[in-house]
C-alpha atoms as a PDB file:
ATOM      1  CA  UNK A   1       5.516   0.487 -21.959  1.00  0.00           C
ATOM      2  CA  UNK A   2       2.667  -1.354 -20.221  1.00  0.00           C
ATOM      3  CA  UNK A   3       0.737   0.239 -17.397  1.00  0.00           C
ATOM      4  CA  UNK A   4       2.268  -1.873 -14.634  1.00  0.00           C
ATOM      5  CA  UNK A   5       5.873  -1.111 -15.649  1.00  0.00           C
ATOM      6  CA  UNK A   6       5.646   2.657 -15.262  1.00  0.00           C
ATOM      7  CA  UNK A   7       8.550   4.068 -13.192  1.00  0.00           C
ATOM      8  CA  UNK A   8       6.756   4.182  -9.842  1.00  0.00           C
ATOM      9  CA  UNK A   9       8.573   4.336  -6.533  1.00  0.00           C
ATOM     10  CA  UNK A  10       9.419   0.797  -5.422  1.00  0.00           C
ATOM     11  CA  UNK A  11       7.754   1.143  -2.022  1.00  0.00           C
ATOM     12  CA  UNK A  12       6.654  -2.505  -1.827  1.00  0.00           C
ATOM     13  CA  UNK A  13       9.866  -4.215  -2.930  1.00  0.00           C
ATOM     14  CA  UNK A  14       9.758  -7.861  -1.933  1.00  0.00           C
ATOM     15  CA  UNK A  15       6.449  -7.653  -0.100  1.00  0.00           C
ATOM     16  CA  UNK A  16       3.525  -9.974  -0.756  1.00  0.00           C
ATOM     17  CA  UNK A  17       0.057  -8.652  -1.596  1.00  0.00           C
ATOM     18  CA  UNK A  18      -3.160 -10.650  -1.903  1.00  0.00           C
ATOM     19  CA  UNK A  19      -6.050  -9.059  -3.797  1.00  0.00           C
ATOM     20  CA  UNK A  20      -9.569 -10.480  -3.896  1.00  0.00           C
ATOM     21  CA  UNK A  21     -11.581  -9.536  -6.958  1.00  0.00           C
ATOM     22  CA  UNK A  22      -8.215  -8.995  -8.601  1.00  0.00           C
ATOM     23  CA  UNK A  23      -9.187  -9.956 -12.150  1.00  0.00           C
ATOM     24  CA  UNK A  24     -11.026  -6.746 -13.067  1.00  0.00           C
ATOM     25  CA  UNK A  25     -11.834  -3.161 -12.136  1.00  0.00           C
ATOM     26  CA  UNK A  26     -10.163  -1.658  -9.076  1.00  0.00           C
ATOM     27  CA  UNK A  27      -8.656  -5.033  -8.200  1.00  0.00           C
ATOM     28  CA  UNK A  28      -6.864  -5.438 -11.528  1.00  0.00           C
ATOM     29  CA  UNK A  29      -5.673  -1.831 -11.560  1.00  0.00           C
ATOM     30  CA  UNK A  30      -4.350  -2.313  -8.029  1.00  0.00           C
ATOM     31  CA  UNK A  31      -2.602  -5.556  -8.958  1.00  0.00           C
ATOM     32  CA  UNK A  32      -0.783  -3.690 -11.713  1.00  0.00           C
ATOM     33  CA  UNK A  33       0.175  -0.830  -9.423  1.00  0.00           C
ATOM     34  CA  UNK A  34       1.340  -3.011  -6.520  1.00  0.00           C
ATOM     35  CA  UNK A  35       3.427  -5.121  -8.895  1.00  0.00           C
ATOM     36  CA  UNK A  36       4.948  -1.943 -10.319  1.00  0.00           C
ATOM     37  CA  UNK A  37       5.834  -0.949  -6.756  1.00  0.00           C
ATOM     38  CA  UNK A  38       7.759  -4.206  -6.337  1.00  0.00           C
ATOM     39  CA  UNK A  39       5.232  -6.505  -4.658  1.00  0.00           C
ATOM     40  CA  UNK A  40       4.670 -10.184  -5.312  1.00  0.00           C
ATOM     41  CA  UNK A  41       0.992 -10.237  -6.232  1.00  0.00           C
ATOM     42  CA  UNK A  42      -1.555 -12.973  -5.620  1.00  0.00           C
ATOM     43  CA  UNK A  43      -4.812 -12.639  -7.558  1.00  0.00           C
ATOM     44  CA  UNK A  44      -7.867 -14.234  -5.945  1.00  0.00           C
ATOM     45  CA  UNK A  45     -10.973 -14.424  -8.112  1.00  0.00           C
ATOM     46  CA  UNK A  46     -13.702 -16.761  -9.336  1.00  0.00           C
ATOM     47  CA  UNK A  47     -12.943 -15.994 -12.988  1.00  0.00           C
ATOM     48  CA  UNK A  48     -10.296 -18.554 -13.947  1.00  0.00           C
ATOM     49  CA  UNK A  49      -9.519 -17.166 -17.371  1.00  0.00           C
ATOM     50  CA  UNK A  50      -9.238 -13.499 -16.439  1.00  0.00           C
ATOM     51  CA  UNK A  51      -7.602 -14.335 -13.127  1.00  0.00           C
ATOM     52  CA  UNK A  52      -4.838 -16.313 -14.814  1.00  0.00           C
ATOM     53  CA  UNK A  53      -4.362 -13.551 -17.384  1.00  0.00           C
ATOM     54  CA  UNK A  54      -4.083 -10.935 -14.650  1.00  0.00           C
ATOM     55  CA  UNK A  55      -1.594 -13.007 -12.671  1.00  0.00           C
ATOM     56  CA  UNK A  56       0.523 -13.612 -15.771  1.00  0.00           C
ATOM     57  CA  UNK A  57       0.503  -9.901 -16.576  1.00  0.00           C
ATOM     58  CA  UNK A  58       1.954  -8.989 -13.170  1.00  0.00           C
ATOM     59  CA  UNK A  59       4.215 -12.060 -12.884  1.00  0.00           C
ATOM     60  CA  UNK A  60       2.138 -13.195  -9.931  1.00  0.00           C
ATOM     61  CA  UNK A  61       0.061 -16.102  -8.738  1.00  0.00           C
ATOM     62  CA  UNK A  62      -3.611 -16.860  -9.353  1.00  0.00           C
ATOM     63  CA  UNK A  63      -5.610 -18.706  -6.709  1.00  0.00           C
ATOM     64  CA  UNK A  64      -9.210 -19.478  -7.623  1.00  0.00           C
ATOM     65  CA  UNK A  65     -11.195 -18.346  -4.606  1.00  0.00           C
ATOM     66  CA  UNK A  66     -14.849 -18.149  -3.664  1.00  0.00           C
ATOM     67  CA  UNK A  67     -14.697 -15.415  -1.038  1.00  0.00           C
ATOM     68  CA  UNK A  68     -17.991 -16.615   0.460  1.00  0.00           C
ATOM     69  CA  UNK A  69     -16.297 -19.922   1.355  1.00  0.00           C
ATOM     70  CA  UNK A  70     -14.348 -19.934   4.626  1.00  0.00           C
ATOM     71  CA  UNK A  71     -12.304 -22.939   3.450  1.00  0.00           C
ATOM     72  CA  UNK A  72     -11.361 -21.195   0.197  1.00  0.00           C
ATOM     73  CA  UNK A  73     -10.273 -18.055   2.025  1.00  0.00           C
ATOM     74  CA  UNK A  74      -8.139 -19.976   4.530  1.00  0.00           C
ATOM     75  CA  UNK A  75      -6.539 -21.877   1.645  1.00  0.00           C
ATOM     76  CA  UNK A  76      -5.840 -18.609  -0.203  1.00  0.00           C
ATOM     77  CA  UNK A  77      -3.604 -17.215   2.529  1.00  0.00           C
ATOM     78  CA  UNK A  78      -1.996 -20.570   3.275  1.00  0.00           C
ATOM     79  CA  UNK A  79      -1.131 -20.959  -0.419  1.00  0.00           C
ATOM     80  CA  UNK A  80       0.304 -17.438  -0.427  1.00  0.00           C
ATOM     81  CA  UNK A  81       2.497 -18.055   2.608  1.00  0.00           C
ATOM     82  CA  UNK A  82       3.661 -21.374   1.191  1.00  0.00           C
ATOM     83  CA  UNK A  83       4.589 -19.706  -2.105  1.00  0.00           C
ATOM     84  CA  UNK A  84       6.135 -16.451  -0.886  1.00  0.00           C
ATOM     85  CA  UNK A  85       6.748 -16.792   2.851  1.00  0.00           C
ATOM     86  CA  UNK A  86       4.477 -14.010   4.115  1.00  0.00           C
ATOM     87  CA  UNK A  87       1.347 -11.935   3.571  1.00  0.00           C
ATOM     88  CA  UNK A  88       2.174  -8.260   3.929  1.00  0.00           C
ATOM     89  CA  UNK A  89      -0.836  -6.677   2.219  1.00  0.00           C
ATOM     90  CA  UNK A  90      -4.420  -7.937   2.022  1.00  0.00           C
ATOM     91  CA  UNK A  91      -6.663  -5.930  -0.288  1.00  0.00           C
ATOM     92  CA  UNK A  92     -10.147  -7.306   0.366  1.00  0.00           C
ATOM     93  CA  UNK A  93     -11.895  -5.903  -2.646  1.00  0.00           C
ATOM     94  CA  UNK A  94     -14.301  -8.512  -4.065  1.00  0.00           C
ATOM     95  CA  UNK A  95     -17.870  -7.278  -4.266  1.00  0.00           C
ATOM     96  CA  UNK A  96     -21.102  -7.273  -6.232  1.00  0.00           C
ATOM     97  CA  UNK A  97     -23.861  -4.779  -6.939  1.00  0.00           C
ATOM     98  CA  UNK A  98     -26.641  -6.684  -8.719  1.00  0.00           C
ATOM     99  CA  UNK A  99     -29.593  -4.890 -10.325  1.00  0.00           C
ATOM    100  CA  UNK A 100     -32.080  -6.724  -8.091  1.00  0.00           C
ATOM    101  CA  UNK A 101     -30.623  -4.852  -5.105  1.00  0.00           C
ATOM    102  CA  UNK A 102     -32.720  -1.682  -5.165  1.00  0.00           C
ATOM    103  CA  UNK A 103     -35.094   0.047  -2.771  1.00  0.00           C
ATOM    104  CA  UNK A 104     -35.810  -1.890   0.413  1.00  0.00           C
ATOM    105  CA  UNK A 105     -39.406  -2.107  -0.842  1.00  0.00           C
ATOM    106  CA  UNK A 106     -38.316  -4.031  -3.938  1.00  0.00           C
ATOM    107  CA  UNK A 107     -35.265  -6.013  -2.778  1.00  0.00           C
ATOM    108  CA  UNK A 108     -36.151  -9.535  -1.745  1.00  0.00           C
ATOM    109  CA  UNK A 109     -34.501 -11.404   1.106  1.00  0.00           C
ATOM    110  CA  UNK A 110     -32.395 -13.645  -1.139  1.00  0.00           C
ATOM    111  CA  UNK A 111     -30.912 -10.659  -2.984  1.00  0.00           C
ATOM    112  CA  UNK A 112     -30.189  -9.005   0.371  1.00  0.00           C
ATOM    113  CA  UNK A 113     -28.420 -12.099   1.699  1.00  0.00           C
ATOM    114  CA  UNK A 114     -26.353 -12.679  -1.425  1.00  0.00           C
ATOM    115  CA  UNK A 115     -24.942  -9.139  -1.381  1.00  0.00           C
ATOM    116  CA  UNK A 116     -24.205  -9.364   2.347  1.00  0.00           C
ATOM    117  CA  UNK A 117     -22.374 -12.664   1.853  1.00  0.00           C
ATOM    118  CA  UNK A 118     -20.161 -11.413  -0.977  1.00  0.00           C
ATOM    119  CA  UNK A 119     -19.576  -7.846   0.219  1.00  0.00           C
ATOM    120  CA  UNK A 120     -19.459  -8.124   4.006  1.00  0.00           C
ATOM    121  CA  UNK A 121     -19.106 -11.703   5.204  1.00  0.00           C
ATOM    122  CA  UNK A 122     -16.229 -12.245   2.757  1.00  0.00           C
ATOM    123  CA  UNK A 123     -14.338  -9.326   4.298  1.00  0.00           C
ATOM    124  CA  UNK A 124     -14.916 -10.860   7.741  1.00  0.00           C
ATOM    125  CA  UNK A 125     -13.528 -14.163   6.422  1.00  0.00           C
ATOM    126  CA  UNK A 126     -10.506 -12.519   4.803  1.00  0.00           C
ATOM    127  CA  UNK A 127      -9.621 -10.463   7.866  1.00  0.00           C
ATOM    128  CA  UNK A 128     -10.131 -13.406  10.211  1.00  0.00           C
ATOM    129  CA  UNK A 129      -7.947 -15.660   8.064  1.00  0.00           C
ATOM    130  CA  UNK A 130      -5.101 -13.237   7.336  1.00  0.00           C
ATOM    131  CA  UNK A 131      -4.753 -11.583  10.739  1.00  0.00           C
ATOM    132  CA  UNK A 132      -2.984 -14.539  12.413  1.00  0.00           C
ATOM    133  CA  UNK A 133      -0.320 -14.489   9.682  1.00  0.00           C
ATOM    134  CA  UNK A 134       0.217 -10.749  10.071  1.00  0.00           C
ATOM    135  CA  UNK A 135       0.227 -10.856  13.878  1.00  0.00           C
ATOM    136  CA  UNK A 136       2.873 -13.592  13.756  1.00  0.00           C
ATOM    137  CA  UNK A 137       4.968 -11.436  11.408  1.00  0.00           C
ATOM    138  CA  UNK A 138       4.385  -8.339  13.524  1.00  0.00           C
ATOM    139  CA  UNK A 139       3.390  -6.319  10.462  1.00  0.00           C
ATOM    140  CA  UNK A 140       0.746  -6.019   7.802  1.00  0.00           C
ATOM    141  CA  UNK A 141      -1.634  -3.717   5.985  1.00  0.00           C
ATOM    142  CA  UNK A 142      -5.263  -4.730   5.440  1.00  0.00           C
ATOM    143  CA  UNK A 143      -7.268  -2.589   3.030  1.00  0.00           C
ATOM    144  CA  UNK A 144     -10.992  -3.276   2.829  1.00  0.00           C
ATOM    145  CA  UNK A 145     -13.086  -1.817   0.031  1.00  0.00           C
ATOM    146  CA  UNK A 146     -16.032   0.043   1.539  1.00  0.00           C
ATOM    147  CA  UNK A 147     -17.647   2.924  -0.378  1.00  0.00           C
ATOM    148  CA  UNK A 148     -18.721   6.518  -0.173  1.00  0.00           C
ATOM    149  CA  UNK A 149     -22.248   5.143   0.258  1.00  0.00           C
ATOM    150  CA  UNK A 150     -21.157   3.969   3.714  1.00  0.00           C
ATOM    151  CA  UNK A 151     -21.201   7.603   4.855  1.00  0.00           C
ATOM    152  CA  UNK A 152     -24.067   9.032   2.770  1.00  0.00           C
ATOM    153  CA  UNK A 153     -27.681   8.289   1.997  1.00  0.00           C
ATOM    154  CA  UNK A 154     -29.159   8.011  -1.482  1.00  0.00           C
ATOM    155  CA  UNK A 155     -32.688   8.094  -2.815  1.00  0.00           C
ATOM    156  CA  UNK A 156     -31.524   5.885  -5.716  1.00  0.00           C
ATOM    157  CA  UNK A 157     -31.006   3.096  -3.217  1.00  0.00           C
ATOM    158  CA  UNK A 158     -29.101  -0.164  -3.373  1.00  0.00           C
ATOM    159  CA  UNK A 159     -30.097  -1.106   0.147  1.00  0.00           C
ATOM    160  CA  UNK A 160     -28.050  -4.253   0.698  1.00  0.00           C
ATOM    161  CA  UNK A 161     -24.966  -2.823  -1.027  1.00  0.00           C
ATOM    162  CA  UNK A 162     -25.114   0.335   1.090  1.00  0.00           C
ATOM    163  CA  UNK A 163     -25.629  -1.644   4.295  1.00  0.00           C
ATOM    164  CA  UNK A 164     -22.809  -4.054   3.443  1.00  0.00           C
ATOM    165  CA  UNK A 165     -20.367  -1.215   2.834  1.00  0.00           C
ATOM    166  CA  UNK A 166     -21.378   0.436   6.098  1.00  0.00           C
ATOM    167  CA  UNK A 167     -20.539  -2.857   7.773  1.00  0.00           C
ATOM    168  CA  UNK A 168     -17.145  -3.018   6.062  1.00  0.00           C
ATOM    169  CA  UNK A 169     -16.357   0.513   7.224  1.00  0.00           C
ATOM    170  CA  UNK A 170     -17.349  -0.198  10.825  1.00  0.00           C
ATOM    171  CA  UNK A 171     -15.488  -3.517  10.943  1.00  0.00           C
ATOM    172  CA  UNK A 172     -12.343  -1.961   9.443  1.00  0.00           C
ATOM    173  CA  UNK A 173     -12.374   0.829  12.001  1.00  0.00           C
ATOM    174  CA  UNK A 174     -12.694  -1.627  14.880  1.00  0.00           C
ATOM    175  CA  UNK A 175      -9.975  -3.960  13.616  1.00  0.00           C
ATOM    176  CA  UNK A 176      -7.660  -1.021  12.974  1.00  0.00           C
ATOM    177  CA  UNK A 177      -7.965   0.008  16.599  1.00  0.00           C
ATOM    178  CA  UNK A 178      -7.771  -3.521  18.011  1.00  0.00           C
ATOM    179  CA  UNK A 179      -4.583  -4.590  16.239  1.00  0.00           C
ATOM    180  CA  UNK A 180      -2.712  -1.280  16.022  1.00  0.00           C
ATOM    181  CA  UNK A 181      -0.148  -2.262  18.671  1.00  0.00           C
ATOM    182  CA  UNK A 182       0.541  -5.584  16.989  1.00  0.00           C
ATOM    183  CA  UNK A 183       1.867  -3.920  13.855  1.00  0.00           C
ATOM    184  CA  UNK A 184      -1.213  -4.488  11.707  1.00  0.00           C
ATOM    185  CA  UNK A 185      -2.951  -1.524  10.104  1.00  0.00           C
ATOM    186  CA  UNK A 186      -6.525  -1.837   8.839  1.00  0.00           C
ATOM    187  CA  UNK A 187      -8.135   0.850   6.690  1.00  0.00           C
ATOM    188  CA  UNK A 188     -11.367   1.163   4.726  1.00  0.00           C
ATOM    189  CA  UNK A 189     -10.943   2.455   1.195  1.00  0.00           C
ATOM    190  CA  UNK A 190     -14.076   4.437   0.324  1.00  0.00           C
ATOM    191  CA  UNK A 191     -14.237   5.048  -3.425  1.00  0.00           C
ATOM    192  CA  UNK A 192     -16.687   7.380  -5.061  1.00  0.00           C
ATOM    193  CA  UNK A 193     -18.265   6.150  -8.318  1.00  0.00           C
ATOM    194  CA  UNK A 194     -15.585   4.482 -10.451  1.00  0.00           C
ATOM    195  CA  UNK A 195     -15.515   3.557 -14.124  1.00  0.00           C
ATOM    196  CA  UNK A 196     -15.503  -0.212 -13.597  1.00  0.00           C
ATOM    197  CA  UNK A 197     -17.487  -3.078 -15.143  1.00  0.00           C
ATOM    198  CA  UNK A 198     -19.632  -3.077 -11.999  1.00  0.00           C
ATOM    199  CA  UNK A 199     -20.682   0.548 -12.497  1.00  0.00           C
ATOM    200  CA  UNK A 200     -21.047   0.186 -16.248  1.00  0.00           C
ATOM    201  CA  UNK A 201     -23.350  -2.796 -15.814  1.00  0.00           C
ATOM    202  CA  UNK A 202     -25.420  -0.972 -13.212  1.00  0.00           C
ATOM    203  CA  UNK A 203     -25.930   2.060 -15.440  1.00  0.00           C
ATOM    204  CA  UNK A 204     -26.014   0.370 -18.843  1.00  0.00           C
ATOM    205  CA  UNK A 205     -29.790   0.348 -19.068  1.00  0.00           C
ATOM    206  CA  UNK A 206     -30.413   3.485 -17.032  1.00  0.00           C
ATOM    207  CA  UNK A 207     -28.460   6.560 -18.189  1.00  0.00           C
ATOM    208  CA  UNK A 208     -30.736   8.759 -16.085  1.00  0.00           C
ATOM    209  CA  UNK A 209     -29.655   6.950 -12.929  1.00  0.00           C
ATOM    210  CA  UNK A 210     -26.000   7.433 -13.900  1.00  0.00           C
ATOM    211  CA  UNK A 211     -26.533  11.139 -14.499  1.00  0.00           C
ATOM    212  CA  UNK A 212     -28.317  11.550 -11.176  1.00  0.00           C
ATOM    213  CA  UNK A 213     -25.152  10.294  -9.503  1.00  0.00           C
ATOM    214  CA  UNK A 214     -22.650  12.131 -11.682  1.00  0.00           C
ATOM    215  CA  UNK A 215     -24.193  15.559 -11.086  1.00  0.00           C
ATOM    216  CA  UNK A 216     -23.209  15.314  -7.405  1.00  0.00           C
ATOM    217  CA  UNK A 217     -19.485  14.776  -8.030  1.00  0.00           C
ATOM    218  CA  UNK A 218     -17.661  18.127  -7.732  1.00  0.00           C
ATOM    219  CA  UNK A 219     -14.982  16.987 -10.178  1.00  0.00           C
ATOM    220  CA  UNK A 220     -17.692  16.324 -12.759  1.00  0.00           C
ATOM    221  CA  UNK A 221     -16.587  12.803 -13.630  1.00  0.00           C
ATOM    222  CA  UNK A 222     -16.292   9.308 -12.223  1.00  0.00           C
ATOM    223  CA  UNK A 223     -12.932   8.037 -10.973  1.00  0.00           C
ATOM    224  CA  UNK A 224     -10.652   5.811 -13.000  1.00  0.00           C
ATOM    225  CA  UNK A 225      -9.542   2.489 -11.476  1.00  0.00           C
ATOM    226  CA  UNK A 226      -5.883   3.582 -11.597  1.00  0.00           C
ATOM    227  CA  UNK A 227      -6.739   6.495  -9.287  1.00  0.00           C
ATOM    228  CA  UNK A 228      -8.044   4.060  -6.686  1.00  0.00           C
ATOM    229  CA  UNK A 229      -5.024   1.824  -7.243  1.00  0.00           C
ATOM    230  CA  UNK A 230      -2.766   4.741  -6.310  1.00  0.00           C
ATOM    231  CA  UNK A 231      -4.603   5.036  -2.996  1.00  0.00           C
ATOM    232  CA  UNK A 232      -4.272   1.282  -2.432  1.00  0.00           C
ATOM    233  CA  UNK A 233      -0.521   1.477  -3.036  1.00  0.00           C
ATOM    234  CA  UNK A 234      -0.248   4.329  -0.535  1.00  0.00           C
ATOM    235  CA  UNK A 235      -2.211   2.456   2.146  1.00  0.00           C
ATOM    236  CA  UNK A 236      -0.172  -0.691   1.477  1.00  0.00           C
ATOM    237  CA  UNK A 237       3.144   1.115   1.837  1.00  0.00           C
ATOM    238  CA  UNK A 238       5.077   2.553   4.764  1.00  0.00           C
ATOM    239  CA  UNK A 239       4.146   6.031   3.514  1.00  0.00           C
ATOM    240  CA  UNK A 240       0.893   5.451   5.431  1.00  0.00           C
ATOM    241  CA  UNK A 241       2.605   4.009   8.521  1.00  0.00           C
ATOM    242  CA  UNK A 242       0.627   6.225  10.949  1.00  0.00           C
ATOM    243  CA  UNK A 243      -2.741   5.654   9.250  1.00  0.00           C
ATOM    244  CA  UNK A 244      -5.042   2.989  10.623  1.00  0.00           C
ATOM    245  CA  UNK A 245      -8.762   2.613  11.323  1.00  0.00           C
ATOM    246  CA  UNK A 246      -9.342   5.326   8.735  1.00  0.00           C
ATOM    247  CA  UNK A 247     -12.239   6.095   6.431  1.00  0.00           C
ATOM    248  CA  UNK A 248     -10.029   6.737   3.401  1.00  0.00           C
ATOM    249  CA  UNK A 249     -12.209   8.620   0.951  1.00  0.00           C
ATOM    250  CA  UNK A 250     -11.222   8.808  -2.718  1.00  0.00           C
ATOM    251  CA  UNK A 251     -14.448  10.261  -3.999  1.00  0.00           C
ATOM    252  CA  UNK A 252     -13.882  13.395  -6.071  1.00  0.00           C
ATOM    253  CA  UNK A 253     -15.395  15.422  -3.237  1.00  0.00           C
ATOM    254  CA  UNK A 254     -18.861  13.857  -3.395  1.00  0.00           C
ATOM    255  CA  UNK A 255     -19.199  13.287   0.357  1.00  0.00           C
ATOM    256  CA  UNK A 256     -18.321  16.926   1.087  1.00  0.00           C
ATOM    257  CA  UNK A 257     -20.551  18.537  -1.529  1.00  0.00           C
ATOM    258  CA  UNK A 258     -23.610  20.564  -0.580  1.00  0.00           C
ATOM    259  CA  UNK A 259     -23.807  22.207  -4.011  1.00  0.00           C
ATOM    260  CA  UNK A 260     -21.514  21.226  -6.868  1.00  0.00           C
ATOM    261  CA  UNK A 261     -19.760  23.883  -8.969  1.00  0.00           C
ATOM    262  CA  UNK A 262     -21.087  25.206 -12.253  1.00  0.00           C
ATOM    263  CA  UNK A 263     -19.221  24.141 -15.366  1.00  0.00           C
ATOM    264  CA  UNK A 264     -16.755  26.578 -16.824  1.00  0.00           C
END
């Protein structure tokens, strides 16, 4: 039995979910989980090959989307509504963490801007474009991928990434408050370190940097994408109907740890 046909509760039967960055990592795991919960899934990604494969796997739709393009983002939600009649869930998850984004002393302006465009401005675009559809429907759940780094500091800095995720968290909180009485919930998913291609690429040439992060996780391991997908499914569903404007941490305890436990 494939991962996305496990006998999950069908909490999203007939609903329509759009996922940016849906071809890999947390996005792909979430596409599988939302489909298993009954949703029609739309995969938005720049990777045509993997995007089409992901959409085929979940019996969904692939829309090639550059999330830094306002026109592409508007077209994404219009295509979704034309195909399925609504947009009930928007998981704004696309993001980058390039190696040239390091200490503020070493990160040049172009690297800073690129990360801000992909990680923060794209979430602004996605929220701005999808909100009118959800307000018209009188319902919707927007889930924006922030990060545990939005609430912590790190000496192993990725300055633009950290700043972008802080912006996502703040924007999500404000939108969650602003649109609460119009039936639209907005929450910031704040993952701890996750075993995704993004993390693997970041740590591939620097095991010491990976270990410096891992030692601070009370659970003693990084998260798996499916564990984040479970949180996405919860926030997408009516099980979270009284949760909005939240900082939804799925971090293995890292943001609460003063000293991590000894092994054994």
